[in-house]
Amino acid sequence: MLSFSTGMDCVALRQHLDFLIMNGLIEERTSRKKKICAISAKGIAVLNALNSKEYFKKIREPLADVDETVQVSRVSKEKRE
């Protein structure tokens, strides 16, 4: 079912899931004769770290522009004084 939902090959999906399970990022559970994958606390921590990294990548350039503007403004002010 997961393979169909994601459009991934069953073998490739199993390899990815095994990797995530082996590294403690997800847990495989059995519920009502179905296997369920659930994200672990470690997996949530990794996702949060990756999201933070992406966030800082997105804002790095605008922050650099602001910093450059502040520096130019500071130099201009110093020249006037």
PDB file of N, CA and C in Angstrom:
ATOM      1  N   MET A   1       0.819  -1.188   0.000  1.00  0.00           N
ATOM      2  CA  MET A   1       0.000   0.000   0.000  1.00  0.00           C
ATOM      3  C   MET A   1       0.870   1.262   0.000  1.00  0.00           C
ATOM      4  N   LEU A   2       1.922   1.256   0.791  1.00  0.00           N
ATOM      5  CA  LEU A   2       2.832   2.399   0.853  1.00  0.00           C
ATOM      6  C   LEU A   2       3.565   2.578  -0.477  1.00  0.00           C
ATOM      7  N   SER A   3       3.937   1.477  -1.065  1.00  0.00           N
ATOM      8  CA  SER A   3       4.613   1.518  -2.366  1.00  0.00           C
ATOM      9  C   SER A   3       3.702   2.142  -3.420  1.00  0.00           C
ATOM     10  N   PHE A   4       2.465   1.742  -3.421  1.00  0.00           N
ATOM     11  CA  PHE A   4       1.499   2.282  -4.383  1.00  0.00           C
ATOM     12  C   PHE A   4       1.275   3.778  -4.139  1.00  0.00           C
ATOM     13  N   SER A   5       1.129   4.160  -2.867  1.00  0.00           N
ATOM     14  CA  SER A   5       0.873   5.562  -2.524  1.00  0.00           C
ATOM     15  C   SER A   5       2.024   6.480  -2.911  1.00  0.00           C
ATOM     16  N   THR A   6       3.249   5.966  -2.768  1.00  0.00           N
ATOM     17  CA  THR A   6       4.426   6.790  -3.055  1.00  0.00           C
ATOM     18  C   THR A   6       4.909   6.652  -4.494  1.00  0.00           C
ATOM     19  N   GLY A   7       4.428   5.623  -5.181  1.00  0.00           N
ATOM     20  CA  GLY A   7       4.871   5.393  -6.558  1.00  0.00           C
ATOM     21  C   GLY A   7       6.282   4.821  -6.625  1.00  0.00           C
ATOM     22  N   MET A   8       6.745   4.251  -5.512  1.00  0.00           N
ATOM     23  CA  MET A   8       8.086   3.672  -5.452  1.00  0.00           C
ATOM     24  C   MET A   8       8.028   2.171  -5.683  1.00  0.00           C
ATOM     25  N   ASP A   9       9.099   1.654  -6.229  1.00  0.00           N
ATOM     26  CA  ASP A   9       9.264   0.224  -6.399  1.00  0.00           C
ATOM     27  C   ASP A   9       9.308  -0.425  -5.018  1.00  0.00           C
ATOM     28  N   CYS A  10       8.681  -1.581  -4.861  1.00  0.00           N
ATOM     29  CA  CYS A  10       8.606  -2.266  -3.562  1.00  0.00           C
ATOM     30  C   CYS A  10       9.985  -2.561  -2.978  1.00  0.00           C
ATOM     31  N   VAL A  11      10.895  -3.015  -3.821  1.00  0.00           N
ATOM     32  CA  VAL A  11      12.237  -3.371  -3.341  1.00  0.00           C
ATOM     33  C   VAL A  11      12.973  -2.117  -2.863  1.00  0.00           C
ATOM     34  N   ALA A  12      12.918  -1.049  -3.641  1.00  0.00           N
ATOM     35  CA  ALA A  12      13.589   0.206  -3.268  1.00  0.00           C
ATOM     36  C   ALA A  12      12.982   0.766  -1.984  1.00  0.00           C
ATOM     37  N   LEU A  13      11.676   0.723  -1.884  1.00  0.00           N
ATOM     38  CA  LEU A  13      10.996   1.221  -0.694  1.00  0.00           C
ATOM     39  C   LEU A  13      11.422   0.425   0.540  1.00  0.00           C
ATOM     40  N   ARG A  14      11.474  -0.903   0.412  1.00  0.00           N
ATOM     41  CA  ARG A  14      11.890  -1.752   1.535  1.00  0.00           C
ATOM     42  C   ARG A  14      13.308  -1.414   1.968  1.00  0.00           C
ATOM     43  N   GLN A  15      14.203  -1.154   1.003  1.00  0.00           N
ATOM     44  CA  GLN A  15      15.584  -0.794   1.333  1.00  0.00           C
ATOM     45  C   GLN A  15      15.628   0.527   2.115  1.00  0.00           C
ATOM     46  N   HIS A  16      14.853   1.489   1.671  1.00  0.00           N
ATOM     47  CA  HIS A  16      14.805   2.786   2.362  1.00  0.00           C
ATOM     48  C   HIS A  16      14.242   2.617   3.772  1.00  0.00           C
ATOM     49  N   LEU A  17      13.164   1.863   3.892  1.00  0.00           N
ATOM     50  CA  LEU A  17      12.560   1.639   5.207  1.00  0.00           C
ATOM     51  C   LEU A  17      13.517   0.905   6.137  1.00  0.00           C
ATOM     52  N   ASP A  18      14.203  -0.112   5.620  1.00  0.00           N
ATOM     53  CA  ASP A  18      15.171  -0.855   6.430  1.00  0.00           C
ATOM     54  C   ASP A  18      16.284   0.066   6.922  1.00  0.00           C
ATOM     55  N   PHE A  19      16.744   0.963   6.065  1.00  0.00           N
ATOM     56  CA  PHE A  19      17.787   1.927   6.446  1.00  0.00           C
ATOM     57  C   PHE A  19      17.286   2.830   7.575  1.00  0.00           C
ATOM     58  N   LEU A  20      16.068   3.335   7.422  1.00  0.00           N
ATOM     59  CA  LEU A  20      15.499   4.229   8.439  1.00  0.00           C
ATOM     60  C   LEU A  20      15.283   3.503   9.762  1.00  0.00           C
ATOM     61  N   ILE A  21      14.826   2.262   9.689  1.00  0.00           N
ATOM     62  CA  ILE A  21      14.621   1.452  10.895  1.00  0.00           C
ATOM     63  C   ILE A  21      15.965   1.162  11.565  1.00  0.00           C
ATOM     64  N   MET A  22      16.955   0.758  10.777  1.00  0.00           N
ATOM     65  CA  MET A  22      18.270   0.425  11.298  1.00  0.00           C
ATOM     66  C   MET A  22      18.900   1.626  12.017  1.00  0.00           C
ATOM     67  N   ASN A  23      18.616   2.832  11.543  1.00  0.00           N
ATOM     68  CA  ASN A  23      19.186   4.036  12.142  1.00  0.00           C
ATOM     69  C   ASN A  23      18.273   4.670  13.191  1.00  0.00           C
ATOM     70  N   GLY A  24      17.191   3.998  13.502  1.00  0.00           N
ATOM     71  CA  GLY A  24      16.310   4.446  14.577  1.00  0.00           C
ATOM     72  C   GLY A  24      15.466   5.663  14.243  1.00  0.00           C
ATOM     73  N   LEU A  25      15.281   5.945  12.951  1.00  0.00           N
ATOM     74  CA  LEU A  25      14.503   7.113  12.552  1.00  0.00           C
ATOM     75  C   LEU A  25      13.015   6.809  12.449  1.00  0.00           C
ATOM     76  N   ILE A  26      12.699   5.555  12.174  1.00  0.00           N
ATOM     77  CA  ILE A  26      11.309   5.111  12.179  1.00  0.00           C
ATOM     78  C   ILE A  26      11.235   3.775  12.906  1.00  0.00           C
ATOM     79  N   GLU A  27      10.036   3.424  13.326  1.00  0.00           N
ATOM     80  CA  GLU A  27       9.793   2.151  13.997  1.00  0.00           C
ATOM     81  C   GLU A  27       8.718   1.417  13.216  1.00  0.00           C
ATOM     82  N   GLU A  28       8.889   0.117  13.092  1.00  0.00           N
ATOM     83  CA  GLU A  28       7.887  -0.702  12.420  1.00  0.00           C
ATOM     84  C   GLU A  28       7.058  -1.394  13.491  1.00  0.00           C
ATOM     85  N   ARG A  29       5.756  -1.231  13.419  1.00  0.00           N
ATOM     86  CA  ARG A  29       4.845  -1.808  14.407  1.00  0.00           C
ATOM     87  C   ARG A  29       3.804  -2.652  13.689  1.00  0.00           C
ATOM     88  N   THR A  30       3.225  -3.571  14.421  1.00  0.00           N
ATOM     89  CA  THR A  30       2.147  -4.394  13.870  1.00  0.00           C
ATOM     90  C   THR A  30       0.856  -3.998  14.570  1.00  0.00           C
ATOM     91  N   SER A  31      -0.150  -3.702  13.754  1.00  0.00           N
ATOM     92  CA  SER A  31      -1.441  -3.305  14.296  1.00  0.00           C
ATOM     93  C   SER A  31      -2.529  -3.955  13.451  1.00  0.00           C
ATOM     94  N   ARG A  32      -3.337  -4.769  14.103  1.00  0.00           N
ATOM     95  CA  ARG A  32      -4.442  -5.452  13.408  1.00  0.00           C
ATOM     96  C   ARG A  32      -3.968  -6.164  12.134  1.00  0.00           C
ATOM     97  N   LYS A  33      -2.924  -6.915  12.278  1.00  0.00           N
ATOM     98  CA  LYS A  33      -2.363  -7.720  11.193  1.00  0.00           C
ATOM     99  C   LYS A  33      -1.730  -6.876  10.080  1.00  0.00           C
ATOM    100  N   LYS A  34      -1.560  -5.580  10.310  1.00  0.00           N
ATOM    101  CA  LYS A  34      -0.890  -4.712   9.342  1.00  0.00           C
ATOM    102  C   LYS A  34       0.403  -4.212   9.944  1.00  0.00           C
ATOM    103  N   LYS A  35       1.400  -4.018   9.095  1.00  0.00           N
ATOM    104  CA  LYS A  35       2.635  -3.406   9.547  1.00  0.00           C
ATOM    105  C   LYS A  35       2.505  -1.903   9.341  1.00  0.00           C
ATOM    106  N   ILE A  36       2.852  -1.170  10.378  1.00  0.00           N
ATOM    107  CA  ILE A  36       2.755   0.285  10.343  1.00  0.00           C
ATOM    108  C   ILE A  36       4.132   0.859  10.638  1.00  0.00           C
ATOM    109  N   CYS A  37       4.517   1.874   9.887  1.00  0.00           N
ATOM    110  CA  CYS A  37       5.765   2.586  10.147  1.00  0.00           C
ATOM    111  C   CYS A  37       5.427   3.897  10.833  1.00  0.00           C
ATOM    112  N   ALA A  38       6.119   4.156  11.940  1.00  0.00           N
ATOM    113  CA  ALA A  38       5.898   5.389  12.706  1.00  0.00           C
ATOM    114  C   ALA A  38       7.239   6.074  12.916  1.00  0.00           C
ATOM    115  N   ILE A  39       7.224   7.385  12.820  1.00  0.00           N
ATOM    116  CA  ILE A  39       8.464   8.134  13.030  1.00  0.00           C
ATOM    117  C   ILE A  39       8.814   8.111  14.518  1.00  0.00           C
ATOM    118  N   SER A  40      10.089   7.956  14.799  1.00  0.00           N
ATOM    119  CA  SER A  40      10.555   7.914  16.190  1.00  0.00           C
ATOM    120  C   SER A  40      10.922   9.325  16.652  1.00  0.00           C
ATOM    121  N   ALA A  41      11.223   9.451  17.929  1.00  0.00           N
ATOM    122  CA  ALA A  41      11.651  10.750  18.473  1.00  0.00           C
ATOM    123  C   ALA A  41      12.937  11.204  17.778  1.00  0.00           C
ATOM    124  N   LYS A  42      13.833  10.262  17.518  1.00  0.00           N
ATOM    125  CA  LYS A  42      15.078  10.584  16.817  1.00  0.00           C
ATOM    126  C   LYS A  42      14.773  11.055  15.392  1.00  0.00           C
ATOM    127  N   GLY A  43      13.819  10.422  14.749  1.00  0.00           N
ATOM    128  CA  GLY A  43      13.419  10.822  13.399  1.00  0.00           C
ATOM    129  C   GLY A  43      12.852  12.230  13.375  1.00  0.00           C
ATOM    130  N   ILE A  44      12.055  12.565  14.379  1.00  0.00           N
ATOM    131  CA  ILE A  44      11.493  13.918  14.479  1.00  0.00           C
ATOM    132  C   ILE A  44      12.609  14.938  14.682  1.00  0.00           C
ATOM    133  N   ALA A  45      13.584  14.596  15.515  1.00  0.00           N
ATOM    134  CA  ALA A  45      14.715  15.500  15.752  1.00  0.00           C
ATOM    135  C   ALA A  45      15.496  15.741  14.469  1.00  0.00           C
ATOM    136  N   VAL A  46      15.701  14.691  13.687  1.00  0.00           N
ATOM    137  CA  VAL A  46      16.423  14.838  12.418  1.00  0.00           C
ATOM    138  C   VAL A  46      15.617  15.708  11.456  1.00  0.00           C
ATOM    139  N   LEU A  47      14.317  15.489  11.366  1.00  0.00           N
ATOM    140  CA  LEU A  47      13.477  16.323  10.494  1.00  0.00           C
ATOM    141  C   LEU A  47      13.518  17.784  10.914  1.00  0.00           C
ATOM    142  N   ASN A  48      13.452  18.037  12.205  1.00  0.00           N
ATOM    143  CA  ASN A  48      13.519  19.417  12.690  1.00  0.00           C
ATOM    144  C   ASN A  48      14.852  20.058  12.333  1.00  0.00           C
ATOM    145  N   ALA A  49      15.935  19.298  12.467  1.00  0.00           N
ATOM    146  CA  ALA A  49      17.259  19.822  12.120  1.00  0.00           C
ATOM    147  C   ALA A  49      17.338  20.124  10.633  1.00  0.00           C
ATOM    148  N   LEU A  50      16.807  19.235   9.812  1.00  0.00           N
ATOM    149  CA  LEU A  50      16.840  19.464   8.359  1.00  0.00           C
ATOM    150  C   LEU A  50      15.975  20.648   7.971  1.00  0.00           C
ATOM    151  N   ASN A  51      14.814  20.782   8.600  1.00  0.00           N
ATOM    152  CA  ASN A  51      13.945  21.929   8.318  1.00  0.00           C
ATOM    153  C   ASN A  51      14.619  23.227   8.718  1.00  0.00           C
ATOM    154  N   SER A  52      15.312  23.230   9.843  1.00  0.00           N
ATOM    155  CA  SER A  52      16.033  24.429  10.282  1.00  0.00           C
ATOM    156  C   SER A  52      17.122  24.787   9.297  1.00  0.00           C
ATOM    157  N   LYS A  53      17.828  23.782   8.821  1.00  0.00           N
ATOM    158  CA  LYS A  53      18.902  24.009   7.854  1.00  0.00           C
ATOM    159  C   LYS A  53      18.342  24.620   6.575  1.00  0.00           C
ATOM    160  N   GLU A  54      17.227  24.097   6.088  1.00  0.00           N
ATOM    161  CA  GLU A  54      16.590  24.646   4.887  1.00  0.00           C
ATOM    162  C   GLU A  54      16.114  26.072   5.130  1.00  0.00           C
ATOM    163  N   TYR A  55      15.571  26.336   6.307  1.00  0.00           N
ATOM    164  CA  TYR A  55      15.095  27.668   6.650  1.00  0.00           C
ATOM    165  C   TYR A  55      16.253  28.658   6.614  1.00  0.00           C
ATOM    166  N   PHE A  56      17.382  28.281   7.226  1.00  0.00           N
ATOM    167  CA  PHE A  56      18.526  29.194   7.250  1.00  0.00           C
ATOM    168  C   PHE A  56      19.127  29.381   5.864  1.00  0.00           C
ATOM    169  N   LYS A  57      19.044  28.349   5.020  1.00  0.00           N
ATOM    170  CA  LYS A  57      19.504  28.514   3.633  1.00  0.00           C
ATOM    171  C   LYS A  57      18.656  29.562   2.922  1.00  0.00           C
ATOM    172  N   LYS A  58      17.343  29.501   3.153  1.00  0.00           N
ATOM    173  CA  LYS A  58      16.423  30.426   2.491  1.00  0.00           C
ATOM    174  C   LYS A  58      16.629  31.861   2.947  1.00  0.00           C
ATOM    175  N   ILE A  59      16.931  32.057   4.231  1.00  0.00           N
ATOM    176  CA  ILE A  59      17.040  33.431   4.726  1.00  0.00           C
ATOM    177  C   ILE A  59      18.469  33.966   4.696  1.00  0.00           C
ATOM    178  N   ARG A  60      19.445  33.118   4.380  1.00  0.00           N
ATOM    179  CA  ARG A  60      20.844  33.553   4.382  1.00  0.00           C
ATOM    180  C   ARG A  60      21.083  34.676   3.386  1.00  0.00           C
ATOM    181  N   GLU A  61      20.590  34.529   2.165  1.00  0.00           N
ATOM    182  CA  GLU A  61      20.821  35.553   1.135  1.00  0.00           C
ATOM    183  C   GLU A  61      20.151  36.880   1.492  1.00  0.00           C
ATOM    184  N   PRO A  62      18.882  36.892   1.891  1.00  0.00           N
ATOM    185  CA  PRO A  62      18.287  38.170   2.305  1.00  0.00           C
ATOM    186  C   PRO A  62      19.024  38.811   3.481  1.00  0.00           C
ATOM    187  N   LEU A  63      19.492  37.984   4.421  1.00  0.00           N
ATOM    188  CA  LEU A  63      20.245  38.533   5.555  1.00  0.00           C
ATOM    189  C   LEU A  63      21.566  39.126   5.095  1.00  0.00           C
ATOM    190  N   ALA A  64      22.211  38.495   4.131  1.00  0.00           N
ATOM    191  CA  ALA A  64      23.465  39.024   3.595  1.00  0.00           C
ATOM    192  C   ALA A  64      23.210  40.367   2.913  1.00  0.00           C
ATOM    193  N   ASP A  65      22.084  40.483   2.201  1.00  0.00           N
ATOM    194  CA  ASP A  65      21.731  41.754   1.548  1.00  0.00           C
ATOM    195  C   ASP A  65      21.513  42.844   2.581  1.00  0.00           C
ATOM    196  N   VAL A  66      20.829  42.513   3.657  1.00  0.00           N
ATOM    197  CA  VAL A  66      20.583  43.484   4.733  1.00  0.00           C
ATOM    198  C   VAL A  66      21.912  43.898   5.358  1.00  0.00           C
ATOM    199  N   ASP A  67      22.780  42.941   5.624  1.00  0.00           N
ATOM    200  CA  ASP A  67      24.073  43.224   6.222  1.00  0.00           C
ATOM    201  C   ASP A  67      24.894  44.142   5.320  1.00  0.00           C
ATOM    202  N   GLU A  68      24.867  43.857   4.017  1.00  0.00           N
ATOM    203  CA  GLU A  68      25.598  44.682   3.060  1.00  0.00           C
ATOM    204  C   GLU A  68      25.049  46.109   3.050  1.00  0.00           C
ATOM    205  N   THR A  69      23.741  46.248   3.101  1.00  0.00           N
ATOM    206  CA  THR A  69      23.112  47.570   3.124  1.00  0.00           C
ATOM    207  C   THR A  69      23.512  48.329   4.380  1.00  0.00           C
ATOM    208  N   VAL A  70      23.541  47.652   5.509  1.00  0.00           N
ATOM    209  CA  VAL A  70      23.933  48.284   6.767  1.00  0.00           C
ATOM    210  C   VAL A  70      25.388  48.744   6.696  1.00  0.00           C
ATOM    211  N   GLN A  71      26.248  47.913   6.126  1.00  0.00           N
ATOM    212  CA  GLN A  71      27.658  48.278   6.015  1.00  0.00           C
ATOM    213  C   GLN A  71      27.843  49.480   5.092  1.00  0.00           C
ATOM    214  N   VAL A  72      27.147  49.503   3.965  1.00  0.00           N
ATOM    215  CA  VAL A  72      27.232  50.625   3.037  1.00  0.00           C
ATOM    216  C   VAL A  72      26.731  51.886   3.720  1.00  0.00           C
ATOM    217  N   SER A  73      25.645  51.768   4.457  1.00  0.00           N
ATOM    218  CA  SER A  73      25.081  52.904   5.175  1.00  0.00           C
ATOM    219  C   SER A  73      26.068  53.421   6.216  1.00  0.00           C
ATOM    220  N   ARG A  74      26.722  52.522   6.911  1.00  0.00           N
ATOM    221  CA  ARG A  74      27.692  52.884   7.940  1.00  0.00           C
ATOM    222  C   ARG A  74      28.879  53.620   7.309  1.00  0.00           C
ATOM    223  N   VAL A  75      29.384  53.126   6.173  1.00  0.00           N
ATOM    224  CA  VAL A  75      30.496  53.760   5.484  1.00  0.00           C
ATOM    225  C   VAL A  75      30.099  55.155   5.010  1.00  0.00           C
ATOM    226  N   SER A  76      28.901  55.287   4.468  1.00  0.00           N
ATOM    227  CA  SER A  76      28.427  56.584   4.008  1.00  0.00           C
ATOM    228  C   SER A  76      28.333  57.568   5.153  1.00  0.00           C
ATOM    229  N   LYS A  77      27.849  57.109   6.282  1.00  0.00           N
ATOM    230  CA  LYS A  77      27.725  57.962   7.460  1.00  0.00           C
ATOM    231  C   LYS A  77      29.089  58.410   7.957  1.00  0.00           C
ATOM    232  N   GLU A  78      30.045  57.474   7.971  1.00  0.00           N
ATOM    233  CA  GLU A  78      31.396  57.812   8.416  1.00  0.00           C
ATOM    234  C   GLU A  78      32.054  58.826   7.489  1.00  0.00           C
ATOM    235  N   LYS A  79      31.813  58.743   6.191  1.00  0.00           N
ATOM    236  CA  LYS A  79      32.376  59.703   5.236  1.00  0.00           C
ATOM    237  C   LYS A  79      31.809  61.097   5.444  1.00  0.00           C
ATOM    238  N   ARG A  80      30.534  61.163   5.821  1.00  0.00           N
ATOM    239  CA  ARG A  80      29.895  62.460   6.050  1.00  0.00           C
ATOM    240  C   ARG A  80      30.424  63.135   7.311  1.00  0.00           C
ATOM    241  N   GLU A  81      30.841  62.331   8.258  1.00  0.00           N
ATOM    242  CA  GLU A  81      31.298  62.910   9.535  1.00  0.00           C
ATOM    243  C   GLU A  81      32.693  63.320   9.400  1.00  0.00           C
TER     244      GLU A  81
END
